[in-house]
Amino acid sequence: MQNNAVILYGPPGSGKGTQAYLLGKKRGLNNIDTGSILESIVHDPKNKNDAFIQEQRKRFDGGELCDPDWVLKIFLQEIKYFAKCGMGIILSGSLRTKEETFDKPHGEGVLDLLVNLYGKENLYFFHIAVSEKESITRNSKRKICSVCGASAMPGVTSCAVCRGKLRKRKLDVPRVIKHRYEIFKEETLPVIRTLEEKGYNMHTVNGALKPYQVFQAIDAWLS
């Protein structure tokens, strides 16, 4: 799928990261993981004296969306890089707001850029739907690797990828997860509805299924 772009939507705990990993392995797609990239920037000790970055860190750790213009600058570069190399991509956790998706604060919107680089017919959007209760339950138990950033299955004591030490993110607590879920409903669901109205390839998947079942559903639509 070198000439395709897959965009995964879903609230916290929907399994976007897991599905992006599985799709990347099978389909040869490069995952542009918004959350992981932003977290690495805002928590980088080298940025501790940067007032703007520290403000974004407060927003990130509190479950708020980071500054959209800043996010766009980062991901426009990432998308252009992989497209220039002839590589397909997965966006997991980006295009969260109408401003980020449709506006053009830097001369081009992300959606327009994706259409220009990959073609509308080669863009696939998936909404992995889970309830608020499921979202809070899953992410409250979530741990990620402190070395490679991979998510860990419940009950394990070290990373299955690199055996690194696991850690819990500051934003994976019930109060913040609930807030993030509300933001998803207010900001991102309208984007999903607008994309559907504009005739993009949008598919809704039951995220409460087991991860391999969600993957099978997504993979079948891509075949």
Protein backbone atom coordinates (compact mmCIF):
# COMPACT_ATOMS: atom_id res chain seq x y z
CA MET A 1 0.00 0.00 0.00
CA GLN A 2 2.76 2.44 -0.89
CA ASN A 3 0.33 4.98 -2.34
CA ASN A 4 -2.23 4.96 0.46
CA ALA A 5 -2.85 6.93 3.62
CA VAL A 6 -4.84 5.46 6.50
CA ILE A 7 -6.27 7.78 9.16
CA LEU A 8 -7.40 6.22 12.45
CA TYR A 9 -9.91 8.00 14.67
CA GLY A 10 -11.04 7.02 18.11
CA PRO A 11 -11.25 8.25 21.71
CA PRO A 12 -8.65 7.35 24.36
CA GLY A 13 -8.42 3.60 24.81
CA SER A 14 -9.88 2.73 21.41
CA GLY A 15 -6.70 0.96 20.34
CA LYS A 16 -5.47 3.31 17.62
CA GLY A 17 -1.82 2.64 18.48
CA THR A 18 -2.26 -1.14 18.41
CA GLN A 19 -4.06 -1.05 15.07
CA ALA A 20 -1.48 1.31 13.59
CA TYR A 21 1.27 -1.10 14.61
CA LEU A 22 -0.51 -4.12 13.12
CA LEU A 23 -1.37 -2.33 9.89
CA GLY A 24 2.15 -0.99 9.57
CA LYS A 25 3.61 -4.49 9.90
CA LYS A 26 1.28 -6.09 7.37
CA ARG A 27 0.78 -3.27 4.90
CA GLY A 28 4.21 -1.66 5.01
CA LEU A 29 2.83 1.69 6.16
CA ASN A 30 4.71 4.24 8.27
CA ASN A 31 2.92 5.26 11.46
CA ILE A 32 2.87 8.96 12.27
CA ASP A 33 1.72 8.70 15.89
CA THR A 34 0.63 12.16 16.96
CA GLY A 35 0.50 11.43 20.69
CA SER A 36 3.90 9.77 20.88
CA ILE A 37 5.65 12.46 18.85
CA LEU A 38 4.14 15.31 20.84
CA GLU A 39 4.83 13.56 24.15
CA SER A 40 8.48 13.06 23.22
CA ILE A 41 8.82 16.77 22.44
CA VAL A 42 7.06 18.18 25.50
CA HIS A 43 8.83 15.81 27.89
CA ASP A 44 12.29 16.19 26.36
CA PRO A 45 14.59 17.62 29.09
CA LYS A 46 16.23 19.79 26.42
CA ASN A 47 12.96 21.76 26.20
CA LYS A 48 12.56 22.42 29.93
CA ASN A 49 13.43 26.12 29.54
CA ASP A 50 11.25 26.66 26.47
CA ALA A 51 8.16 28.53 27.72
CA PHE A 52 6.04 27.62 24.71
CA ILE A 53 6.90 23.91 24.91
CA GLN A 54 6.24 23.87 28.64
CA GLU A 55 2.81 25.39 28.03
CA GLN A 56 2.12 22.63 25.50
CA ARG A 57 3.29 20.11 28.09
CA LYS A 58 0.70 21.36 30.59
CA ARG A 59 -2.00 21.07 27.94
CA PHE A 60 -0.85 17.61 26.84
CA ASP A 61 -0.60 16.18 30.37
CA GLY A 62 -3.96 17.73 31.26
CA GLY A 63 -5.73 16.05 28.35
CA GLU A 64 -6.13 19.26 26.33
CA LEU A 65 -5.33 19.52 22.62
CA CYS A 66 -2.00 21.19 21.86
CA ASP A 67 -1.75 24.37 19.80
CA PRO A 68 -3.11 23.41 16.32
CA ASP A 69 -0.69 25.61 14.37
CA TRP A 70 2.27 24.04 16.16
CA VAL A 71 0.93 20.53 15.59
CA LEU A 72 0.37 21.28 11.90
CA LYS A 73 3.93 22.49 11.37
CA ILE A 74 5.23 19.20 12.73
CA PHE A 75 2.94 16.87 10.79
CA LEU A 76 2.95 18.63 7.46
CA GLN A 77 6.70 17.97 7.41
CA GLU A 78 6.25 14.32 8.39
CA ILE A 79 3.60 13.68 5.73
CA LYS A 80 5.61 15.38 2.98
CA TYR A 81 8.73 13.40 3.88
CA PHE A 82 7.11 9.97 3.56
CA ALA A 83 5.16 10.92 0.43
CA LYS A 84 8.35 12.19 -1.22
CA CYS A 85 9.94 8.81 -0.47
CA GLY A 86 6.97 7.03 -2.09
CA MET A 87 5.80 5.56 1.22
CA GLY A 88 2.28 5.06 2.54
CA ILE A 89 1.36 6.38 5.99
CA ILE A 90 -0.91 5.87 8.95
CA LEU A 91 -2.08 8.87 10.98
CA SER A 92 -3.14 7.74 14.43
CA GLY A 93 -4.42 10.59 16.54
CA SER A 94 -4.10 13.53 14.18
CA LEU A 95 -6.66 15.52 12.18
CA ARG A 96 -8.56 15.89 15.45
CA THR A 97 -10.28 19.23 14.80
CA LYS A 98 -11.97 20.95 11.87
CA GLU A 99 -9.30 23.64 12.02
CA GLU A 100 -6.50 21.07 11.78
CA THR A 101 -8.25 19.12 9.02
CA PHE A 102 -9.81 21.72 6.76
CA ASP A 103 -8.26 25.14 7.47
CA LYS A 104 -5.12 26.44 5.77
CA PRO A 105 -3.13 28.51 8.29
CA HIS A 106 0.15 27.61 6.55
CA GLY A 107 -1.03 27.82 2.95
CA GLU A 108 -2.42 24.29 2.79
CA GLY A 109 -4.66 22.19 4.97
CA VAL A 110 -3.69 18.67 5.97
CA LEU A 111 -6.64 17.10 4.15
CA ASP A 112 -5.85 18.99 0.94
CA LEU A 113 -2.22 17.94 1.26
CA LEU A 114 -3.19 14.27 1.66
CA VAL A 115 -5.47 14.47 -1.37
CA ASN A 116 -2.74 16.10 -3.46
CA LEU A 117 -0.08 13.59 -2.41
CA TYR A 118 -2.09 10.35 -2.34
CA GLY A 119 -5.40 11.02 -4.14
CA LYS A 120 -8.84 11.07 -2.53
CA GLU A 121 -9.53 7.48 -3.57
CA ASN A 122 -6.42 6.32 -1.69
CA LEU A 123 -7.37 7.87 1.66
CA TYR A 124 -9.01 5.50 4.15
CA PHE A 125 -10.58 6.78 7.38
CA PHE A 126 -11.54 4.50 10.27
CA HIS A 127 -13.48 5.40 13.40
CA ILE A 128 -12.73 2.88 16.15
CA ALA A 129 -15.69 3.43 18.46
CA VAL A 130 -15.70 2.64 22.18
CA SER A 131 -17.92 3.84 25.02
CA GLU A 132 -16.77 6.34 27.64
CA LYS A 133 -16.83 3.59 30.28
CA GLU A 134 -14.64 1.33 28.14
CA SER A 135 -12.30 4.22 27.39
CA ILE A 136 -11.76 5.01 31.09
CA THR A 137 -11.37 1.35 32.07
CA ARG A 138 -8.80 0.63 29.38
CA ASN A 139 -6.63 3.70 29.70
CA SER A 140 -6.66 3.68 33.51
CA LYS A 141 -4.79 0.38 33.28
CA ARG A 142 -2.58 1.40 30.39
CA LYS A 143 1.20 1.31 30.59
CA ILE A 144 3.77 2.03 27.92
CA CYS A 145 7.44 1.20 27.53
CA SER A 146 9.80 3.86 28.89
CA VAL A 147 12.32 2.94 26.18
CA CYS A 148 10.49 2.35 22.87
CA GLY A 149 7.05 3.72 23.73
CA ALA A 150 5.15 0.56 22.82
CA SER A 151 1.87 -0.12 24.64
CA ALA A 152 1.84 -3.11 26.96
CA MET A 153 -0.92 -5.65 27.44
CA PRO A 154 -2.49 -5.70 30.94
CA GLY A 155 -0.69 -7.91 33.43
CA VAL A 156 2.75 -7.91 31.82
CA THR A 157 5.75 -6.59 33.72
CA SER A 158 8.05 -5.54 30.87
CA CYS A 159 7.82 -4.43 27.24
CA ALA A 160 7.15 -7.26 24.78
CA VAL A 161 9.14 -5.43 22.10
CA CYS A 162 12.38 -4.45 23.86
CA ARG A 163 11.90 -5.69 27.47
CA GLY A 164 12.15 -2.13 28.71
CA LYS A 165 10.63 -0.88 31.94
CA LEU A 166 6.95 0.06 31.79
CA ARG A 167 5.55 3.40 32.94
CA LYS A 168 2.16 5.03 33.33
CA ARG A 169 1.50 8.31 31.53
CA LYS A 170 0.31 11.33 33.53
CA LEU A 171 -2.76 11.72 31.30
CA ASP A 172 -3.92 8.11 31.83
CA VAL A 173 -5.97 8.77 34.97
CA PRO A 174 -9.81 8.62 35.07
CA ARG A 175 -10.38 12.38 35.45
CA VAL A 176 -8.17 13.27 32.48
CA ILE A 177 -9.39 10.35 30.36
CA LYS A 178 -13.00 11.47 30.85
CA HIS A 179 -12.03 15.00 29.81
CA ARG A 180 -10.22 13.71 26.73
CA TYR A 181 -13.26 11.64 25.79
CA GLU A 182 -15.46 14.76 25.99
CA ILE A 183 -13.01 16.65 23.77
CA PHE A 184 -13.17 13.81 21.25
CA LYS A 185 -16.97 14.09 21.13
CA GLU A 186 -16.92 17.88 20.84
CA GLU A 187 -13.99 18.35 18.46
CA THR A 188 -13.36 15.14 16.51
CA LEU A 189 -16.79 13.58 15.92
CA PRO A 190 -17.83 16.64 13.86
CA VAL A 191 -14.74 16.07 11.68
CA ILE A 192 -15.75 12.45 11.12
CA ARG A 193 -19.30 13.47 10.15
CA THR A 194 -18.00 16.14 7.74
CA LEU A 195 -15.66 13.67 6.05
CA GLU A 196 -18.56 11.27 5.60
CA GLU A 197 -20.65 14.06 4.06
CA LYS A 198 -17.82 14.87 1.66
CA GLY A 199 -17.74 11.27 0.43
CA TYR A 200 -14.46 10.04 1.89
CA ASN A 201 -13.85 6.35 2.64
CA MET A 202 -15.03 6.38 6.25
CA HIS A 203 -15.66 3.11 8.12
CA THR A 204 -16.79 2.66 11.72
CA VAL A 205 -15.42 -0.33 13.65
CA ASN A 206 -16.60 -1.68 17.00
CA GLY A 207 -13.57 -1.01 19.18
CA ALA A 208 -14.96 -3.16 22.01
CA LEU A 209 -14.00 -6.26 20.00
CA LYS A 210 -10.70 -8.00 20.63
CA PRO A 211 -7.75 -6.25 18.94
CA TYR A 212 -7.28 -8.98 16.32
CA GLN A 213 -10.98 -8.73 15.38
CA VAL A 214 -10.74 -4.96 14.97
CA PHE A 215 -7.65 -5.49 12.84
CA GLN A 216 -9.39 -8.07 10.67
CA ALA A 217 -12.26 -5.65 10.03
CA ILE A 218 -9.93 -2.80 9.08
CA ASP A 219 -7.70 -5.02 6.96
CA ALA A 220 -10.70 -6.41 5.07
CA TRP A 221 -11.76 -2.89 4.02
CA LEU A 222 -8.24 -2.21 2.78
CA SER A 223 -8.04 -5.39 0.71
